[in-house]
C-alpha atoms as a PDB file:
ATOM      1  CA  MET A   1       0.554 -13.217  38.723  1.00  0.00           C
ATOM      2  CA  LYS A   2      -1.476 -13.060  35.507  1.00  0.00           C
ATOM      3  CA  ASN A   3      -1.116  -9.288  35.406  1.00  0.00           C
ATOM      4  CA  ILE A   4       2.663  -9.563  35.764  1.00  0.00           C
ATOM      5  CA  PHE A   5       2.812 -12.136  32.971  1.00  0.00           C
ATOM      6  CA  LEU A   6       0.651  -9.941  30.746  1.00  0.00           C
ATOM      7  CA  LEU A   7       2.840  -6.926  31.516  1.00  0.00           C
ATOM      8  CA  LEU A   8       6.018  -8.822  30.686  1.00  0.00           C
ATOM      9  CA  PHE A   9       4.502 -10.134  27.456  1.00  0.00           C
ATOM     10  CA  THR A  10       3.389  -6.644  26.432  1.00  0.00           C
ATOM     11  CA  LEU A  11       6.818  -5.235  27.265  1.00  0.00           C
ATOM     12  CA  PHE A  12       8.582  -7.960  25.267  1.00  0.00           C
ATOM     13  CA  PHE A  13       6.250  -7.449  22.305  1.00  0.00           C
ATOM     14  CA  SER A  14       6.791  -3.687  22.389  1.00  0.00           C
ATOM     15  CA  VAL A  15      10.578  -4.044  22.533  1.00  0.00           C
ATOM     16  CA  SER A  16      10.503  -6.575  19.690  1.00  0.00           C
ATOM     17  CA  LEU A  17       8.291  -4.327  17.564  1.00  0.00           C
ATOM     18  CA  PHE A  18      10.534  -1.320  18.252  1.00  0.00           C
ATOM     19  CA  ALA A  19      13.634  -3.310  17.290  1.00  0.00           C
ATOM     20  CA  GLN A  20      11.965  -4.438  14.063  1.00  0.00           C
ATOM     21  CA  GLU A  21      10.885  -0.924  13.103  1.00  0.00           C
ATOM     22  CA  ASN A  22      14.342   0.416  13.919  1.00  0.00           C
ATOM     23  CA  ALA A  23      16.033  -2.244  11.777  1.00  0.00           C
ATOM     24  CA  ILE A  24      13.654  -1.544   8.882  1.00  0.00           C
ATOM     25  CA  LYS A  25      14.338   2.207   9.102  1.00  0.00           C
ATOM     26  CA  GLU A  26      18.093   1.551   9.123  1.00  0.00           C
ATOM     27  CA  ALA A  27      17.719  -0.707   6.086  1.00  0.00           C
ATOM     28  CA  GLU A  28      15.643   1.908   4.257  1.00  0.00           C
ATOM     29  CA  THR A  29      18.256   4.554   5.049  1.00  0.00           C
ATOM     30  CA  ALA A  30      21.057   2.315   3.794  1.00  0.00           C
ATOM     31  CA  TYR A  31      19.073   1.667   0.589  1.00  0.00           C
ATOM     32  CA  THR A  32      18.524   5.378  -0.083  1.00  0.00           C
ATOM     33  CA  GLN A  33      22.247   5.950   0.481  1.00  0.00           C
ATOM     34  CA  ASP A  34      23.087   3.242  -2.105  1.00  0.00           C
ATOM     35  CA  ASP A  35      24.604   1.033   0.598  1.00  0.00           C
ATOM     36  CA  TYR A  36      22.821  -2.046  -0.719  1.00  0.00           C
ATOM     37  CA  SER A  37      25.010  -4.627   1.030  1.00  0.00           C
ATOM     38  CA  LYS A  38      24.099  -3.125   4.410  1.00  0.00           C
ATOM     39  CA  ALA A  39      20.416  -2.962   3.448  1.00  0.00           C
ATOM     40  CA  ILE A  40      20.549  -6.642   2.466  1.00  0.00           C
ATOM     41  CA  GLU A  41      22.151  -7.570   5.787  1.00  0.00           C
ATOM     42  CA  LEU A  42      19.544  -5.646   7.777  1.00  0.00           C
ATOM     43  CA  TYR A  43      16.548  -6.967   5.835  1.00  0.00           C
ATOM     44  CA  GLU A  44      17.878 -10.542   6.127  1.00  0.00           C
ATOM     45  CA  GLY A  45      18.195  -9.976   9.875  1.00  0.00           C
ATOM     46  CA  VAL A  46      14.583  -8.764  10.113  1.00  0.00           C
ATOM     47  CA  LEU A  47      13.379 -11.909   8.318  1.00  0.00           C
ATOM     48  CA  LYS A  48      15.376 -14.172  10.647  1.00  0.00           C
ATOM     49  CA  THR A  49      14.258 -12.499  13.878  1.00  0.00           C
ATOM     50  CA  HIS A  50      10.707 -11.411  13.039  1.00  0.00           C
ATOM     51  CA  GLY A  51       9.506 -13.875  10.406  1.00  0.00           C
ATOM     52  CA  ALA A  52       8.348 -13.688   6.804  1.00  0.00           C
ATOM     53  CA  SER A  53       6.760 -10.565   5.376  1.00  0.00           C
ATOM     54  CA  ALA A  54       5.839  -9.718   1.778  1.00  0.00           C
ATOM     55  CA  GLU A  55       7.020  -6.143   2.287  1.00  0.00           C
ATOM     56  CA  ILE A  56      10.420  -7.186   3.639  1.00  0.00           C
ATOM     57  CA  TYR A  57      10.911  -9.788   0.898  1.00  0.00           C
ATOM     58  CA  TYR A  58      10.038  -7.107  -1.659  1.00  0.00           C
ATOM     59  CA  ASN A  59      12.478  -4.589  -0.199  1.00  0.00           C
ATOM     60  CA  LEU A  60      15.142  -7.279   0.067  1.00  0.00           C
ATOM     61  CA  GLY A  61      14.559  -8.180  -3.578  1.00  0.00           C
ATOM     62  CA  ASN A  62      14.997  -4.530  -4.533  1.00  0.00           C
ATOM     63  CA  SER A  63      18.240  -4.359  -2.568  1.00  0.00           C
ATOM     64  CA  TYR A  64      19.648  -7.480  -4.213  1.00  0.00           C
ATOM     65  CA  PHE A  65      18.625  -6.194  -7.646  1.00  0.00           C
ATOM     66  CA  LYS A  66      20.325  -2.837  -7.082  1.00  0.00           C
ATOM     67  CA  ASP A  67      23.392  -4.718  -5.839  1.00  0.00           C
ATOM     68  CA  GLY A  68      23.541  -6.610  -9.147  1.00  0.00           C
ATOM     69  CA  GLN A  69      22.556  -9.990  -7.666  1.00  0.00           C
ATOM     70  CA  VAL A  70      19.811 -11.180 -10.003  1.00  0.00           C
ATOM     71  CA  ALA A  71      19.097 -14.670  -8.640  1.00  0.00           C
ATOM     72  CA  PRO A  72      18.591 -13.559  -4.998  1.00  0.00           C
ATOM     73  CA  SER A  73      16.410 -10.675  -6.171  1.00  0.00           C
ATOM     74  CA  ILE A  74      14.159 -13.043  -8.164  1.00  0.00           C
ATOM     75  CA  LEU A  75      14.036 -15.450  -5.214  1.00  0.00           C
ATOM     76  CA  ASN A  76      12.834 -12.753  -2.827  1.00  0.00           C
ATOM     77  CA  TYR A  77      10.347 -11.272  -5.305  1.00  0.00           C
ATOM     78  CA  GLU A  78       8.890 -14.765  -5.754  1.00  0.00           C
ATOM     79  CA  ARG A  79       8.647 -15.225  -1.983  1.00  0.00           C
ATOM     80  CA  ALA A  80       6.940 -11.836  -1.663  1.00  0.00           C
ATOM     81  CA  LEU A  81       4.520 -12.794  -4.422  1.00  0.00           C
ATOM     82  CA  LEU A  82       3.595 -16.004  -2.597  1.00  0.00           C
ATOM     83  CA  LEU A  83       2.533 -13.951   0.417  1.00  0.00           C
ATOM     84  CA  ASP A  84       0.879 -11.158  -1.569  1.00  0.00           C
ATOM     85  CA  PRO A  85       0.060 -12.365  -5.111  1.00  0.00           C
ATOM     86  CA  GLY A  86      -2.113  -9.337  -5.833  1.00  0.00           C
ATOM     87  CA  ASP A  87       0.675  -6.772  -5.427  1.00  0.00           C
ATOM     88  CA  ARG A  88       1.389  -5.245  -8.853  1.00  0.00           C
ATOM     89  CA  ASP A  89       4.686  -3.657  -7.780  1.00  0.00           C
ATOM     90  CA  ILE A  90       6.104  -7.039  -6.772  1.00  0.00           C
ATOM     91  CA  ARG A  91       4.983  -8.645 -10.022  1.00  0.00           C
ATOM     92  CA  PHE A  92       6.364  -5.772 -12.107  1.00  0.00           C
ATOM     93  CA  ASN A  93       9.774  -5.809 -10.411  1.00  0.00           C
ATOM     94  CA  LEU A  94       9.914  -9.593 -10.723  1.00  0.00           C
ATOM     95  CA  ASN A  95       9.357  -9.326 -14.466  1.00  0.00           C
ATOM     96  CA  VAL A  96      12.053  -6.640 -14.703  1.00  0.00           C
ATOM     97  CA  ALA A  97      14.512  -8.876 -12.825  1.00  0.00           C
ATOM     98  CA  LYS A  98      13.682 -11.831 -15.101  1.00  0.00           C
ATOM     99  CA  GLN A  99      14.717  -9.733 -18.090  1.00  0.00           C
ATOM    100  CA  LYS A 100      18.253  -9.846 -16.682  1.00  0.00           C
ATOM    101  CA  THR A 101      18.425 -13.655 -16.888  1.00  0.00           C
ATOM    102  CA  VAL A 102      19.980 -15.577 -19.777  1.00  0.00           C
ATOM    103  CA  ASP A 103      17.273 -18.190 -20.325  1.00  0.00           C
ATOM    104  CA  ARG A 104      14.102 -17.292 -22.221  1.00  0.00           C
ATOM    105  CA  ILE A 105      11.711 -20.104 -21.410  1.00  0.00           C
ATOM    106  CA  GLU A 106       8.203 -19.993 -22.837  1.00  0.00           C
ATOM    107  CA  PRO A 107       5.665 -21.487 -20.410  1.00  0.00           C
ATOM    108  CA  ILE A 108       3.273 -24.150 -21.654  1.00  0.00           C
ATOM    109  CA  GLY A 109       0.029 -22.505 -22.702  1.00  0.00           C
ATOM    110  CA  GLU A 110      -2.953 -22.776 -20.363  1.00  0.00           C
ATOM    111  CA  PHE A 111      -6.615 -23.141 -21.258  1.00  0.00           C
ATOM    112  CA  LEU A 112      -8.453 -19.823 -21.174  1.00  0.00           C
ATOM    113  CA  PHE A 113     -10.591 -20.879 -18.182  1.00  0.00           C
ATOM    114  CA  VAL A 114      -7.538 -22.033 -16.199  1.00  0.00           C
ATOM    115  CA  LYS A 115      -5.731 -18.791 -17.003  1.00  0.00           C
ATOM    116  CA  TRP A 116      -8.771 -16.778 -15.905  1.00  0.00           C
ATOM    117  CA  PHE A 117      -9.111 -18.861 -12.737  1.00  0.00           C
ATOM    118  CA  HIS A 118      -5.473 -18.292 -11.733  1.00  0.00           C
ATOM    119  CA  GLY A 119      -5.721 -14.618 -12.646  1.00  0.00           C
ATOM    120  CA  VAL A 120      -8.687 -14.072 -10.333  1.00  0.00           C
ATOM    121  CA  GLN A 121      -7.105 -16.189  -7.582  1.00  0.00           C
ATOM    122  CA  ASN A 122      -3.917 -14.133  -7.639  1.00  0.00           C
ATOM    123  CA  MET A 123      -5.739 -10.831  -7.304  1.00  0.00           C
ATOM    124  CA  LEU A 124      -5.741 -11.206  -3.493  1.00  0.00           C
ATOM    125  CA  SER A 125      -3.773 -12.955  -0.752  1.00  0.00           C
ATOM    126  CA  VAL A 126      -4.830 -16.038   1.196  1.00  0.00           C
ATOM    127  CA  ASN A 127      -5.832 -13.885   4.187  1.00  0.00           C
ATOM    128  CA  ALA A 128      -7.932 -11.598   2.005  1.00  0.00           C
ATOM    129  CA  TRP A 129      -9.762 -14.518   0.383  1.00  0.00           C
ATOM    130  CA  GLY A 130     -10.327 -16.030   3.830  1.00  0.00           C
ATOM    131  CA  ALA A 131     -11.815 -12.763   5.093  1.00  0.00           C
ATOM    132  CA  ILE A 132     -14.078 -12.491   2.035  1.00  0.00           C
ATOM    133  CA  GLY A 133     -15.240 -16.064   2.591  1.00  0.00           C
ATOM    134  CA  ILE A 134     -16.137 -15.379   6.232  1.00  0.00           C
ATOM    135  CA  ILE A 135     -17.921 -12.091   5.477  1.00  0.00           C
ATOM    136  CA  CYS A 136     -19.924 -13.593   2.622  1.00  0.00           C
ATOM    137  CA  PHE A 137     -20.862 -16.603   4.778  1.00  0.00           C
ATOM    138  CA  ILE A 138     -22.226 -14.277   7.480  1.00  0.00           C
ATOM    139  CA  LEU A 139     -24.183 -12.363   4.825  1.00  0.00           C
ATOM    140  CA  LEU A 140     -25.453 -15.701   3.481  1.00  0.00           C
ATOM    141  CA  ILE A 141     -26.888 -16.532   6.898  1.00  0.00           C
ATOM    142  CA  GLY A 142     -28.654 -13.164   6.833  1.00  0.00           C
ATOM    143  CA  CYS A 143     -30.115 -13.976   3.407  1.00  0.00           C
ATOM    144  CA  LEU A 144     -31.339 -17.348   4.664  1.00  0.00           C
ATOM    145  CA  ILE A 145     -33.040 -15.669   7.609  1.00  0.00           C
ATOM    146  CA  LEU A 146     -34.610 -13.180   5.201  1.00  0.00           C
ATOM    147  CA  PHE A 147     -35.802 -15.970   2.909  1.00  0.00           C
ATOM    148  CA  PHE A 148     -37.315 -18.195   5.587  1.00  0.00           C
ATOM    149  CA  PHE A 149     -38.774 -15.632   7.974  1.00  0.00           C
ATOM    150  CA  SER A 150     -39.666 -12.588   5.889  1.00  0.00           C
ATOM    151  CA  LYS A 151     -43.405 -12.053   5.286  1.00  0.00           C
ATOM    152  CA  TRP A 152     -42.762 -10.135   2.075  1.00  0.00           C
ATOM    153  CA  VAL A 153     -42.402 -12.123  -1.147  1.00  0.00           C
ATOM    154  CA  HIS A 154     -40.165  -9.447  -2.621  1.00  0.00           C
ATOM    155  CA  LEU A 155     -37.727  -9.747   0.268  1.00  0.00           C
ATOM    156  CA  LYS A 156     -37.835 -13.543   0.022  1.00  0.00           C
ATOM    157  CA  LYS A 157     -36.768 -13.312  -3.622  1.00  0.00           C
ATOM    158  CA  ILE A 158     -33.948 -10.915  -2.745  1.00  0.00           C
ATOM    159  CA  GLY A 159     -32.762 -13.254   0.005  1.00  0.00           C
ATOM    160  CA  PHE A 160     -32.896 -16.248  -2.357  1.00  0.00           C
ATOM    161  CA  TYR A 161     -31.051 -14.775  -5.338  1.00  0.00           C
ATOM    162  CA  VAL A 162     -28.490 -12.830  -3.312  1.00  0.00           C
ATOM    163  CA  GLY A 163     -27.966 -15.998  -1.264  1.00  0.00           C
ATOM    164  CA  LEU A 164     -27.172 -17.975  -4.437  1.00  0.00           C
ATOM    165  CA  ILE A 165     -24.565 -15.396  -5.441  1.00  0.00           C
ATOM    166  CA  LEU A 166     -23.051 -15.461  -1.949  1.00  0.00           C
ATOM    167  CA  VAL A 167     -22.855 -19.273  -2.008  1.00  0.00           C
ATOM    168  CA  PHE A 168     -20.880 -19.038  -5.251  1.00  0.00           C
ATOM    169  CA  ILE A 169     -18.524 -16.399  -3.781  1.00  0.00           C
ATOM    170  CA  VAL A 170     -18.019 -18.369  -0.553  1.00  0.00           C
ATOM    171  CA  ILE A 171     -17.087 -21.504  -2.498  1.00  0.00           C
ATOM    172  CA  LEU A 172     -14.688 -19.628  -4.780  1.00  0.00           C
ATOM    173  CA  ALA A 173     -13.087 -17.710  -1.900  1.00  0.00           C
ATOM    174  CA  ASN A 174     -12.467 -20.936   0.015  1.00  0.00           C
ATOM    175  CA  VAL A 175     -11.043 -22.683  -3.060  1.00  0.00           C
ATOM    176  CA  PHE A 176      -8.736 -19.732  -3.785  1.00  0.00           C
ATOM    177  CA  ALA A 177      -7.606 -19.541  -0.146  1.00  0.00           C
ATOM    178  CA  ALA A 178      -7.020 -23.311   0.000  1.00  0.00           C
ATOM    179  CA  ASN A 179      -4.956 -23.259  -3.209  1.00  0.00           C
ATOM    180  CA  GLN A 180      -2.802 -20.379  -2.002  1.00  0.00           C
ATOM    181  CA  LYS A 181      -2.318 -21.992   1.402  1.00  0.00           C
ATOM    182  CA  HIS A 182      -1.243 -25.198  -0.321  1.00  0.00           C
ATOM    183  CA  ASP A 183       1.315 -23.246  -2.381  1.00  0.00           C
ATOM    184  CA  LEU A 184       2.649 -21.609   0.795  1.00  0.00           C
ATOM    185  CA  LEU A 185       2.985 -24.883   2.694  1.00  0.00           C
ATOM    186  CA  ASN A 186       4.204 -27.047  -0.190  1.00  0.00           C
ATOM    187  CA  ARG A 187       6.806 -24.971  -1.968  1.00  0.00           C
ATOM    188  CA  ASN A 188       8.023 -27.035  -4.893  1.00  0.00           C
ATOM    189  CA  SER A 189       9.540 -24.232  -6.962  1.00  0.00           C
ATOM    190  CA  ALA A 190      13.103 -22.947  -6.781  1.00  0.00           C
ATOM    191  CA  ILE A 191      15.552 -20.512  -8.352  1.00  0.00           C
ATOM    192  CA  VAL A 192      18.861 -21.540  -9.941  1.00  0.00           C
ATOM    193  CA  PHE A 193      21.784 -19.894  -8.138  1.00  0.00           C
ATOM    194  CA  SER A 194      24.757 -21.246 -10.092  1.00  0.00           C
ATOM    195  CA  PRO A 195      25.902 -19.279 -13.160  1.00  0.00           C
ATOM    196  CA  THR A 196      25.542 -22.340 -15.427  1.00  0.00           C
ATOM    197  CA  VAL A 197      24.081 -25.788 -14.737  1.00  0.00           C
ATOM    198  CA  THR A 198      24.018 -28.780 -17.071  1.00  0.00           C
ATOM    199  CA  VAL A 199      20.838 -30.757 -16.474  1.00  0.00           C
ATOM    200  CA  LYS A 200      21.330 -34.526 -16.608  1.00  0.00           C
ATOM    201  CA  SER A 201      19.139 -37.457 -17.642  1.00  0.00           C
ATOM    202  CA  SER A 202      19.791 -39.241 -14.323  1.00  0.00           C
ATOM    203  CA  PRO A 203      20.779 -38.236 -10.780  1.00  0.00           C
ATOM    204  CA  ASP A 204      24.533 -38.620 -11.240  1.00  0.00           C
ATOM    205  CA  ALA A 205      27.386 -36.761 -12.923  1.00  0.00           C
ATOM    206  CA  SER A 206      27.775 -39.468 -15.575  1.00  0.00           C
ATOM    207  CA  GLY A 207      24.221 -38.999 -16.842  1.00  0.00           C
ATOM    208  CA  THR A 208      23.558 -37.764 -20.356  1.00  0.00           C
ATOM    209  CA  ASP A 209      23.589 -33.991 -20.784  1.00  0.00           C
ATOM    210  CA  LEU A 210      20.069 -32.810 -21.658  1.00  0.00           C
ATOM    211  CA  PHE A 211      20.164 -29.019 -21.622  1.00  0.00           C
ATOM    212  CA  VAL A 212      21.824 -26.073 -19.880  1.00  0.00           C
ATOM    213  CA  ILE A 213      20.139 -23.539 -17.618  1.00  0.00           C
ATOM    214  CA  HIS A 214      21.515 -20.405 -16.006  1.00  0.00           C
ATOM    215  CA  GLU A 215      21.344 -18.308 -12.876  1.00  0.00           C
ATOM    216  CA  GLY A 216      17.917 -16.853 -12.044  1.00  0.00           C
ATOM    217  CA  THR A 217      15.861 -19.459 -13.904  1.00  0.00           C
ATOM    218  CA  LYS A 218      12.784 -20.740 -12.098  1.00  0.00           C
ATOM    219  CA  VAL A 219      12.367 -24.518 -11.843  1.00  0.00           C
ATOM    220  CA  PHE A 220       9.846 -26.854 -10.237  1.00  0.00           C
ATOM    221  CA  VAL A 221      11.242 -29.606  -8.025  1.00  0.00           C
ATOM    222  CA  ARG A 222       9.503 -32.907  -8.776  1.00  0.00           C
ATOM    223  CA  ASN A 223      11.648 -35.264  -6.755  1.00  0.00           C
ATOM    224  CA  ILE A 224      14.783 -35.354  -4.583  1.00  0.00           C
ATOM    225  CA  LEU A 225      17.231 -38.240  -4.548  1.00  0.00           C
ATOM    226  CA  GLY A 226      20.281 -37.827  -2.366  1.00  0.00           C
ATOM    227  CA  GLU A 227      22.097 -34.682  -3.450  1.00  0.00           C
ATOM    228  CA  TRP A 228      20.165 -34.441  -6.704  1.00  0.00           C
ATOM    229  CA  SER A 229      16.825 -32.849  -7.595  1.00  0.00           C
ATOM    230  CA  GLU A 230      14.574 -33.780 -10.495  1.00  0.00           C
ATOM    231  CA  ILE A 231      13.402 -30.468 -11.927  1.00  0.00           C
ATOM    232  CA  GLU A 232      10.888 -29.359 -14.513  1.00  0.00           C
ATOM    233  CA  LEU A 233      11.039 -26.105 -16.444  1.00  0.00           C
ATOM    234  CA  GLU A 234       8.035 -23.963 -17.300  1.00  0.00           C
ATOM    235  CA  ASP A 235       8.208 -25.276 -20.872  1.00  0.00           C
ATOM    236  CA  GLY A 236       7.884 -28.895 -19.684  1.00  0.00           C
ATOM    237  CA  ASN A 237      11.532 -30.013 -20.005  1.00  0.00           C
ATOM    238  CA  VAL A 238      12.578 -32.400 -17.221  1.00  0.00           C
ATOM    239  CA  GLY A 239      15.950 -33.493 -15.882  1.00  0.00           C
ATOM    240  CA  TRP A 240      18.230 -33.843 -12.868  1.00  0.00           C
ATOM    241  CA  MET A 241      20.572 -31.276 -11.335  1.00  0.00           C
ATOM    242  CA  PRO A 242      22.523 -30.918  -8.051  1.00  0.00           C
ATOM    243  CA  SER A 243      20.310 -29.670  -5.231  1.00  0.00           C
ATOM    244  CA  LYS A 244      23.065 -27.309  -4.059  1.00  0.00           C
ATOM    245  CA  ASP A 245      22.602 -25.226  -7.228  1.00  0.00           C
ATOM    246  CA  ILE A 246      19.035 -24.185  -6.435  1.00  0.00           C
ATOM    247  CA  GLU A 247      17.287 -22.345  -3.620  1.00  0.00           C
ATOM    248  CA  LYS A 248      13.687 -23.198  -2.716  1.00  0.00           C
ATOM    249  CA  ILE A 249      11.211 -20.341  -2.955  1.00  0.00           C
END
């Protein structure tokens, strides 16, 4: 019975994998033939049936960009970057797409240490940092064994100092992985999808007009009240806008 179940599972997995690869190849073919609407449809289908993937989000972003749809392209580049923050191609294409937006918002400056910290953290994905943490922890155990049981003073010193470095790397890797996992699970950023949105001082249409933002702008959702979202821009400006006008990353 177990063998039959295993066989059926393997068969289902193989069929699913074949269908995914076939859909991706069709989407790639459509993209190369400048049939971007078909490529978008196929890539969206792959995401719905086979789950999130940085590569698929990236390709979908490219398809939307080539199709002239800036906001969806930025949305998918941002989603790809969440899954693979160290990918330079994704980051480059995202910056290119942002050049097509109307708003030019200058982010609030960060302290040098914070900027360095985020820069190092975004060099790798959450899975990569997790793997580094596990590998370094195993090596740390080896260093501890070397330190406590080696008869040679020279080897004890190597075990001690290398162990200190590994402790530092393990802590950093776990902090980086935890931060990236938190960002993946608690997505509070979004992309504006309406051509023009007037941001209000309160969550109703009669609120005072504060400022105007446009399609493709990235916002951070601070609070949701009914059909309204309290958003914050990268420059620190805060206000309320209809939730229907944004799409969560």
